[in-house]
């Protein structure tokens, strides 16, 4: 086995001491702490700042078994300043987050509150199918290799 492939297989996720001693981290639930570790595990290159963790992955890794628990954990990570939302995801697209340093000011008057971005669920799907622009975006996201310029590939 080459050295490089072994390093990737045997990687680790490190948490700085000042992070784990911070109020932002200590006040997280056990689920949110574990989810954060798996968000960090998504980093493949040293300069990568955007991370994802899907509910399917969270369930597979034993982070949680419920979508609502997973959603609460993500909201808490954003609320405590460890992650910043980039895209809410939904409809076969994962939520994307950016690693944040806001946690350093958590609990102070200088802490910046960033709103959590919710994804597009099944309620959005009904309204998206009624709007041609949104419909095309949803279908392209679900079926990227198919072309929907003509229904089912037929010419009329």
N, C-alpha and C. Protein backbone atom coordinates (compact mmCIF):
# COMPACT_ATOMS: atom_id res chain seq x y z
N UNK A 1 0.86 -1.17 0.00
CA UNK A 1 0.00 0.00 0.00
C UNK A 1 0.90 1.23 0.00
N UNK A 2 0.57 2.16 -0.83
CA UNK A 2 1.39 3.37 -0.89
C UNK A 2 1.17 4.23 0.34
N UNK A 3 2.15 5.05 0.61
CA UNK A 3 2.09 5.92 1.79
C UNK A 3 0.91 6.89 1.71
N UNK A 4 0.67 7.44 0.50
CA UNK A 4 -0.41 8.40 0.34
C UNK A 4 -1.78 7.78 0.61
N UNK A 5 -2.06 6.60 0.06
CA UNK A 5 -3.37 6.00 0.26
C UNK A 5 -3.58 5.60 1.72
N UNK A 6 -2.51 5.18 2.40
CA UNK A 6 -2.64 4.85 3.82
C UNK A 6 -2.95 6.11 4.63
N UNK A 7 -2.30 7.21 4.29
CA UNK A 7 -2.54 8.46 5.01
C UNK A 7 -3.99 8.89 4.87
N UNK A 8 -4.55 8.76 3.68
CA UNK A 8 -5.94 9.15 3.48
C UNK A 8 -6.88 8.23 4.26
N UNK A 9 -6.56 6.96 4.30
CA UNK A 9 -7.41 6.00 4.99
C UNK A 9 -7.35 6.20 6.51
N UNK A 10 -6.16 6.51 7.01
CA UNK A 10 -5.96 6.63 8.45
C UNK A 10 -5.97 8.07 8.92
N UNK A 11 -6.70 8.95 8.25
CA UNK A 11 -6.72 10.36 8.62
C UNK A 11 -7.33 10.58 9.99
N UNK A 12 -7.28 11.81 10.44
CA UNK A 12 -7.85 12.14 11.74
C UNK A 12 -8.48 13.53 11.67
N UNK A 13 -9.32 13.80 12.63
CA UNK A 13 -9.94 15.11 12.78
C UNK A 13 -9.46 15.67 14.10
N UNK A 14 -8.76 16.79 14.04
CA UNK A 14 -8.26 17.42 15.25
C UNK A 14 -9.10 18.63 15.64
N UNK A 15 -9.30 18.77 16.93
CA UNK A 15 -10.03 19.93 17.45
C UNK A 15 -9.07 20.74 18.32
N UNK A 16 -8.91 22.02 18.03
CA UNK A 16 -8.01 22.85 18.85
C UNK A 16 -8.49 22.94 20.31
N UNK A 17 -7.56 23.02 21.22
CA UNK A 17 -7.91 23.11 22.64
C UNK A 17 -8.79 24.32 22.93
N UNK A 18 -8.48 25.47 22.31
CA UNK A 18 -9.29 26.66 22.60
C UNK A 18 -10.73 26.49 22.10
N UNK A 19 -10.95 25.65 21.09
CA UNK A 19 -12.32 25.38 20.63
C UNK A 19 -13.05 24.51 21.66
N UNK A 20 -12.45 23.40 22.07
CA UNK A 20 -13.17 22.50 22.97
C UNK A 20 -13.33 23.09 24.38
N UNK A 21 -12.55 24.11 24.72
CA UNK A 21 -12.70 24.78 26.01
C UNK A 21 -13.64 25.98 25.93
N UNK A 22 -14.12 26.31 24.72
CA UNK A 22 -14.98 27.49 24.55
C UNK A 22 -16.42 27.19 24.97
N UNK A 23 -17.14 28.24 25.36
CA UNK A 23 -18.56 28.10 25.71
C UNK A 23 -19.38 27.69 24.50
N UNK A 24 -18.97 28.14 23.33
CA UNK A 24 -19.70 27.79 22.10
C UNK A 24 -19.70 26.28 21.89
N UNK A 25 -18.59 25.63 22.15
CA UNK A 25 -18.50 24.18 21.97
C UNK A 25 -19.10 23.43 23.15
N UNK A 26 -18.79 23.87 24.37
CA UNK A 26 -19.28 23.17 25.56
C UNK A 26 -20.80 23.18 25.65
N UNK A 27 -21.44 24.21 25.11
CA UNK A 27 -22.90 24.29 25.21
C UNK A 27 -23.62 23.51 24.10
N UNK A 28 -22.88 22.86 23.22
CA UNK A 28 -23.50 22.05 22.17
C UNK A 28 -24.01 20.74 22.75
N UNK A 29 -25.03 20.19 22.12
CA UNK A 29 -25.51 18.86 22.50
C UNK A 29 -24.49 17.82 22.03
N UNK A 30 -24.58 16.62 22.55
CA UNK A 30 -23.68 15.55 22.12
C UNK A 30 -23.85 15.27 20.63
N UNK A 31 -25.07 15.35 20.15
CA UNK A 31 -25.34 15.14 18.72
C UNK A 31 -24.67 16.21 17.88
N UNK A 32 -24.76 17.46 18.29
CA UNK A 32 -24.15 18.56 17.54
C UNK A 32 -22.63 18.44 17.55
N UNK A 33 -22.04 18.04 18.68
CA UNK A 33 -20.59 17.85 18.74
C UNK A 33 -20.14 16.76 17.77
N UNK A 34 -20.86 15.65 17.76
CA UNK A 34 -20.51 14.55 16.86
C UNK A 34 -20.72 14.96 15.40
N UNK A 35 -21.81 15.67 15.13
CA UNK A 35 -22.05 16.15 13.77
C UNK A 35 -20.93 17.07 13.31
N UNK A 36 -20.46 17.95 14.20
CA UNK A 36 -19.38 18.87 13.85
C UNK A 36 -18.11 18.10 13.47
N UNK A 37 -17.81 17.04 14.19
CA UNK A 37 -16.64 16.23 13.87
C UNK A 37 -16.77 15.65 12.46
N UNK A 38 -17.96 15.19 12.12
CA UNK A 38 -18.15 14.63 10.77
C UNK A 38 -18.19 15.73 9.71
N UNK A 39 -18.63 16.92 10.05
CA UNK A 39 -18.50 18.04 9.10
C UNK A 39 -17.02 18.29 8.84
N UNK A 40 -16.20 18.30 9.89
CA UNK A 40 -14.76 18.51 9.72
C UNK A 40 -14.11 17.38 8.93
N UNK A 41 -14.64 16.19 9.08
CA UNK A 41 -14.12 15.03 8.35
C UNK A 41 -14.28 15.21 6.84
N UNK A 42 -15.21 16.04 6.43
CA UNK A 42 -15.45 16.29 5.01
C UNK A 42 -14.30 17.06 4.36
N UNK A 43 -13.44 17.67 5.15
CA UNK A 43 -12.33 18.45 4.60
C UNK A 43 -11.32 17.50 3.98
N UNK A 44 -11.10 17.68 2.69
CA UNK A 44 -10.17 16.81 1.96
C UNK A 44 -8.86 17.50 1.63
N UNK A 45 -8.89 18.83 1.61
CA UNK A 45 -7.70 19.62 1.31
C UNK A 45 -7.58 20.68 2.39
N UNK A 46 -6.37 21.09 2.71
CA UNK A 46 -6.13 22.03 3.78
C UNK A 46 -6.80 23.38 3.61
N UNK A 47 -7.02 23.81 2.38
CA UNK A 47 -7.60 25.12 2.14
C UNK A 47 -9.12 25.08 1.98
N UNK A 48 -9.72 23.91 2.08
CA UNK A 48 -11.16 23.77 1.91
C UNK A 48 -11.89 24.38 3.10
N UNK A 49 -12.89 25.22 2.84
CA UNK A 49 -13.65 25.83 3.94
C UNK A 49 -15.13 25.45 3.89
N UNK A 50 -15.61 24.92 2.76
CA UNK A 50 -17.00 24.52 2.66
C UNK A 50 -17.12 23.02 2.94
N UNK A 51 -18.10 22.68 3.78
CA UNK A 51 -18.28 21.29 4.20
C UNK A 51 -19.75 20.90 4.09
N UNK A 52 -19.97 19.60 3.94
CA UNK A 52 -21.33 19.07 3.89
C UNK A 52 -21.41 17.81 4.74
N UNK A 53 -22.59 17.54 5.20
CA UNK A 53 -22.92 16.29 5.88
C UNK A 53 -24.40 16.07 5.64
N UNK A 54 -24.75 15.02 4.93
CA UNK A 54 -26.15 14.75 4.64
C UNK A 54 -26.77 13.98 5.80
N UNK A 55 -28.09 13.94 5.84
CA UNK A 55 -28.76 13.16 6.87
C UNK A 55 -28.42 11.68 6.71
N UNK A 56 -28.35 11.20 5.47
CA UNK A 56 -28.00 9.80 5.23
C UNK A 56 -26.63 9.46 5.81
N UNK A 57 -25.68 10.35 5.62
CA UNK A 57 -24.34 10.13 6.20
C UNK A 57 -24.41 10.17 7.72
N UNK A 58 -25.12 11.15 8.25
CA UNK A 58 -25.24 11.28 9.71
C UNK A 58 -25.85 10.02 10.32
N UNK A 59 -26.85 9.47 9.66
CA UNK A 59 -27.49 8.25 10.15
C UNK A 59 -26.51 7.07 10.06
N UNK A 60 -25.80 6.97 8.95
CA UNK A 60 -24.82 5.90 8.75
C UNK A 60 -23.70 5.95 9.81
N UNK A 61 -23.24 7.16 10.14
CA UNK A 61 -22.14 7.32 11.10
C UNK A 61 -22.61 7.26 12.55
N UNK A 62 -23.91 7.18 12.79
CA UNK A 62 -24.43 7.09 14.15
C UNK A 62 -24.56 8.44 14.85
N UNK A 63 -24.59 9.52 14.06
CA UNK A 63 -24.76 10.85 14.65
C UNK A 63 -26.17 10.98 15.21
N UNK A 64 -27.16 10.58 14.43
CA UNK A 64 -28.55 10.63 14.86
C UNK A 64 -29.40 9.75 13.95
N UNK A 65 -30.63 9.52 14.36
CA UNK A 65 -31.53 8.68 13.58
C UNK A 65 -32.73 9.45 13.04
N UNK A 66 -32.87 10.70 13.42
CA UNK A 66 -34.04 11.49 13.07
C UNK A 66 -33.64 12.74 12.29
N UNK A 67 -34.36 13.04 11.19
CA UNK A 67 -34.07 14.27 10.45
C UNK A 67 -34.24 15.52 11.30
N UNK A 68 -35.22 15.51 12.21
CA UNK A 68 -35.44 16.70 13.03
C UNK A 68 -34.29 16.90 14.03
N UNK A 69 -33.74 15.82 14.57
CA UNK A 69 -32.59 15.92 15.47
C UNK A 69 -31.37 16.44 14.71
N UNK A 70 -31.18 15.96 13.48
CA UNK A 70 -30.07 16.41 12.65
C UNK A 70 -30.22 17.90 12.33
N UNK A 71 -31.44 18.32 12.04
CA UNK A 71 -31.69 19.73 11.74
C UNK A 71 -31.40 20.60 12.96
N UNK A 72 -31.79 20.15 14.15
CA UNK A 72 -31.50 20.89 15.39
C UNK A 72 -30.00 21.02 15.62
N UNK A 73 -29.26 19.95 15.33
CA UNK A 73 -27.81 19.98 15.52
C UNK A 73 -27.17 21.00 14.57
N UNK A 74 -27.61 21.01 13.32
CA UNK A 74 -27.06 21.97 12.35
C UNK A 74 -27.41 23.40 12.76
N UNK A 75 -28.63 23.62 13.22
CA UNK A 75 -29.03 24.96 13.67
C UNK A 75 -28.17 25.41 14.85
N UNK A 76 -27.87 24.51 15.75
CA UNK A 76 -27.07 24.85 16.92
C UNK A 76 -25.63 25.17 16.53
N UNK A 77 -25.09 24.41 15.56
CA UNK A 77 -23.72 24.67 15.09
C UNK A 77 -23.63 26.05 14.44
N UNK A 78 -24.67 26.44 13.71
CA UNK A 78 -24.71 27.79 13.13
C UNK A 78 -24.93 28.82 14.23
N UNK A 79 -25.86 28.53 15.13
CA UNK A 79 -26.18 29.46 16.21
C UNK A 79 -25.01 29.73 17.15
N UNK A 80 -24.14 28.75 17.34
CA UNK A 80 -22.99 28.92 18.23
C UNK A 80 -21.74 29.39 17.49
N UNK A 81 -21.86 29.60 16.18
CA UNK A 81 -20.77 30.19 15.42
C UNK A 81 -19.70 29.25 14.90
N UNK A 82 -19.96 27.94 14.88
CA UNK A 82 -18.97 27.00 14.35
C UNK A 82 -19.11 26.83 12.84
N UNK A 83 -20.33 26.99 12.33
CA UNK A 83 -20.58 26.88 10.89
C UNK A 83 -21.40 28.08 10.43
N UNK A 84 -21.21 28.46 9.18
CA UNK A 84 -22.04 29.48 8.53
C UNK A 84 -22.73 28.82 7.34
N UNK A 85 -24.04 29.03 7.17
CA UNK A 85 -24.73 28.42 6.04
C UNK A 85 -24.37 29.08 4.72
N UNK A 86 -24.16 28.27 3.69
CA UNK A 86 -23.92 28.75 2.34
C UNK A 86 -25.16 28.49 1.50
N UNK A 87 -25.66 27.25 1.55
CA UNK A 87 -26.83 26.85 0.81
C UNK A 87 -27.66 25.92 1.68
N UNK A 88 -28.97 26.13 1.69
CA UNK A 88 -29.85 25.32 2.51
C UNK A 88 -30.06 23.91 2.01
N UNK A 89 -29.78 23.67 0.72
CA UNK A 89 -29.94 22.35 0.14
C UNK A 89 -31.39 21.96 -0.02
N UNK A 90 -31.65 20.68 -0.13
CA UNK A 90 -32.98 20.15 -0.32
C UNK A 90 -33.20 19.69 -1.74
N UNK A 91 -34.20 18.84 -1.94
CA UNK A 91 -34.53 18.29 -3.26
C UNK A 91 -33.30 17.69 -3.93
N UNK A 92 -32.67 16.76 -3.24
CA UNK A 92 -31.49 16.03 -3.72
C UNK A 92 -30.21 16.85 -3.75
N UNK A 93 -30.16 17.97 -3.10
CA UNK A 93 -28.94 18.76 -3.01
C UNK A 93 -28.59 18.90 -1.52
N UNK A 94 -27.35 18.60 -1.14
CA UNK A 94 -26.99 18.69 0.28
C UNK A 94 -26.85 20.14 0.73
N UNK A 95 -27.09 20.38 2.01
CA UNK A 95 -26.84 21.69 2.58
C UNK A 95 -25.33 21.90 2.63
N UNK A 96 -24.90 23.11 2.33
CA UNK A 96 -23.48 23.43 2.32
C UNK A 96 -23.21 24.47 3.39
N UNK A 97 -22.16 24.25 4.16
CA UNK A 97 -21.78 25.15 5.23
C UNK A 97 -20.33 25.57 5.05
N UNK A 98 -19.97 26.69 5.66
CA UNK A 98 -18.60 27.18 5.66
C UNK A 98 -18.12 27.16 7.11
N UNK A 99 -16.91 26.69 7.31
CA UNK A 99 -16.34 26.72 8.66
C UNK A 99 -16.24 28.17 9.10
N UNK A 100 -16.55 28.41 10.36
CA UNK A 100 -16.61 29.78 10.86
C UNK A 100 -15.73 29.94 12.10
N UNK A 101 -15.29 31.14 12.30
CA UNK A 101 -14.53 31.49 13.51
C UNK A 101 -15.38 32.35 14.46
N UNK A 102 -16.68 32.50 14.15
CA UNK A 102 -17.55 33.32 15.00
C UNK A 102 -17.63 32.79 16.42
N UNK A 103 -17.39 31.49 16.61
CA UNK A 103 -17.48 30.88 17.93
C UNK A 103 -16.56 31.56 18.94
N UNK A 104 -15.49 32.18 18.45
CA UNK A 104 -14.54 32.83 19.36
C UNK A 104 -15.20 33.98 20.14
N UNK A 105 -16.23 34.59 19.56
CA UNK A 105 -16.92 35.71 20.22
C UNK A 105 -18.26 35.30 20.82
N UNK A 106 -18.56 34.00 20.83
CA UNK A 106 -19.83 33.50 21.36
C UNK A 106 -19.99 33.93 22.82
N UNK A 107 -21.16 34.43 23.15
CA UNK A 107 -21.45 34.87 24.51
C UNK A 107 -21.04 36.29 24.81
N UNK A 108 -20.47 36.99 23.82
CA UNK A 108 -20.09 38.39 24.02
C UNK A 108 -21.02 39.28 23.22
N UNK A 109 -20.96 40.58 23.46
CA UNK A 109 -21.81 41.50 22.71
C UNK A 109 -21.30 41.70 21.28
N UNK A 110 -20.13 41.20 20.98
CA UNK A 110 -19.58 41.32 19.62
C UNK A 110 -19.91 40.10 18.75
N UNK A 111 -20.58 39.11 19.33
CA UNK A 111 -20.94 37.89 18.57
C UNK A 111 -21.96 38.24 17.49
N UNK A 112 -21.67 37.86 16.27
CA UNK A 112 -22.56 38.13 15.14
C UNK A 112 -23.50 36.94 14.93
N UNK A 113 -24.80 37.20 15.00
CA UNK A 113 -25.80 36.16 14.78
C UNK A 113 -26.02 36.01 13.28
N UNK A 114 -25.88 34.79 12.78
CA UNK A 114 -26.11 34.49 11.36
C UNK A 114 -27.33 33.58 11.28
N UNK A 115 -28.32 33.95 10.46
CA UNK A 115 -29.52 33.11 10.37
C UNK A 115 -29.24 31.78 9.68
N UNK A 116 -29.92 30.76 10.13
CA UNK A 116 -29.82 29.42 9.55
C UNK A 116 -30.64 29.39 8.26
N UNK A 117 -30.10 28.80 7.22
CA UNK A 117 -30.82 28.67 5.94
C UNK A 117 -31.48 27.30 5.89
N UNK A 118 -32.79 27.30 5.76
CA UNK A 118 -33.50 26.03 5.64
C UNK A 118 -33.48 25.56 4.20
N UNK A 119 -33.53 24.26 4.01
CA UNK A 119 -33.55 23.68 2.68
C UNK A 119 -34.94 23.69 2.10
N UNK A 120 -35.03 23.22 0.88
CA UNK A 120 -36.33 23.14 0.20
C UNK A 120 -36.86 21.73 0.37
N UNK A 121 -37.96 21.62 1.09
CA UNK A 121 -38.58 20.32 1.33
C UNK A 121 -39.69 20.02 0.34
N UNK A 122 -40.52 19.06 0.66
CA UNK A 122 -41.57 18.61 -0.25
C UNK A 122 -42.63 19.68 -0.50
N UNK A 123 -42.85 20.60 0.46
CA UNK A 123 -43.81 21.68 0.23
C UNK A 123 -43.32 22.58 -0.89
N UNK A 124 -42.01 22.83 -0.93
CA UNK A 124 -41.43 23.64 -2.00
C UNK A 124 -41.60 22.95 -3.34
N UNK A 125 -41.53 21.62 -3.35
CA UNK A 125 -41.62 20.85 -4.59
C UNK A 125 -42.92 21.14 -5.33
N UNK A 126 -44.03 21.22 -4.63
CA UNK A 126 -45.32 21.49 -5.27
C UNK A 126 -45.34 22.87 -5.93
N UNK A 127 -44.84 23.87 -5.23
CA UNK A 127 -44.83 25.21 -5.82
C UNK A 127 -43.78 25.32 -6.92
N UNK A 128 -42.68 24.59 -6.79
CA UNK A 128 -41.64 24.63 -7.83
C UNK A 128 -42.14 24.02 -9.13
N UNK A 129 -42.95 22.99 -9.05
CA UNK A 129 -43.46 22.35 -10.26
C UNK A 129 -44.44 23.25 -11.01
N UNK A 130 -45.01 24.23 -10.33
CA UNK A 130 -45.94 25.16 -10.98
C UNK A 130 -45.20 26.29 -11.69
N UNK A 131 -43.96 26.55 -11.33
CA UNK A 131 -43.16 27.62 -11.93
C UNK A 131 -42.14 27.00 -12.88
N UNK A 132 -42.16 27.38 -14.16
CA UNK A 132 -41.30 26.76 -15.17
C UNK A 132 -39.81 26.91 -14.86
N UNK A 133 -39.38 28.08 -14.40
CA UNK A 133 -37.97 28.28 -14.07
C UNK A 133 -37.52 27.39 -12.93
N UNK A 134 -38.34 27.34 -11.86
CA UNK A 134 -38.00 26.49 -10.71
C UNK A 134 -38.11 25.01 -11.07
N UNK A 135 -39.10 24.68 -11.90
CA UNK A 135 -39.29 23.29 -12.32
C UNK A 135 -38.06 22.79 -13.05
N UNK A 136 -37.53 23.59 -13.97
CA UNK A 136 -36.33 23.20 -14.71
C UNK A 136 -35.15 23.00 -13.76
N UNK A 137 -35.00 23.89 -12.80
CA UNK A 137 -33.90 23.79 -11.83
C UNK A 137 -34.01 22.50 -11.01
N UNK A 138 -35.22 22.17 -10.56
CA UNK A 138 -35.43 20.96 -9.77
C UNK A 138 -35.14 19.72 -10.61
N UNK A 139 -35.66 19.69 -11.83
CA UNK A 139 -35.46 18.52 -12.68
C UNK A 139 -33.99 18.36 -13.08
N UNK A 140 -33.32 19.47 -13.32
CA UNK A 140 -31.89 19.40 -13.64
C UNK A 140 -31.08 18.89 -12.45
N UNK A 141 -31.49 19.27 -11.23
CA UNK A 141 -30.80 18.80 -10.04
C UNK A 141 -31.04 17.31 -9.80
N UNK A 142 -32.27 16.87 -10.06
CA UNK A 142 -32.60 15.46 -9.84
C UNK A 142 -32.08 14.55 -10.94
N UNK A 143 -32.11 15.02 -12.15
CA UNK A 143 -31.73 14.20 -13.30
C UNK A 143 -30.74 14.97 -14.18
N UNK A 144 -29.51 15.14 -13.73
CA UNK A 144 -28.56 16.00 -14.45
C UNK A 144 -28.18 15.50 -15.84
N UNK A 145 -28.29 14.21 -16.11
CA UNK A 145 -27.86 13.68 -17.41
C UNK A 145 -28.98 13.70 -18.45
N UNK A 146 -30.18 13.92 -18.03
CA UNK A 146 -31.30 13.95 -18.96
C UNK A 146 -31.60 15.39 -19.36
N UNK A 147 -32.12 15.56 -20.52
CA UNK A 147 -32.53 16.88 -21.00
C UNK A 147 -34.05 16.94 -21.00
N UNK A 148 -34.60 18.01 -20.44
CA UNK A 148 -36.04 18.14 -20.33
C UNK A 148 -36.59 19.21 -21.24
N UNK A 149 -35.89 19.49 -22.32
CA UNK A 149 -36.41 20.49 -23.24
C UNK A 149 -37.66 19.95 -23.94
N UNK A 150 -37.70 18.64 -24.12
CA UNK A 150 -38.87 18.01 -24.69
C UNK A 150 -39.28 16.89 -23.74
N UNK A 151 -40.56 16.81 -23.40
CA UNK A 151 -41.01 15.81 -22.42
C UNK A 151 -40.66 14.38 -22.87
N UNK A 152 -39.98 13.64 -22.03
CA UNK A 152 -39.66 12.23 -22.20
C UNK A 152 -38.93 11.93 -23.51
N UNK A 153 -38.23 12.92 -24.05
CA UNK A 153 -37.42 12.73 -25.24
C UNK A 153 -38.22 12.64 -26.53
N UNK A 154 -39.53 12.87 -26.47
CA UNK A 154 -40.36 12.80 -27.67
C UNK A 154 -40.44 14.15 -28.36
N UNK A 155 -40.59 14.12 -29.64
CA UNK A 155 -40.86 15.35 -30.39
C UNK A 155 -42.33 15.37 -30.74
N UNK A 156 -42.94 16.50 -30.59
CA UNK A 156 -44.37 16.62 -30.85
C UNK A 156 -44.63 17.55 -31.98
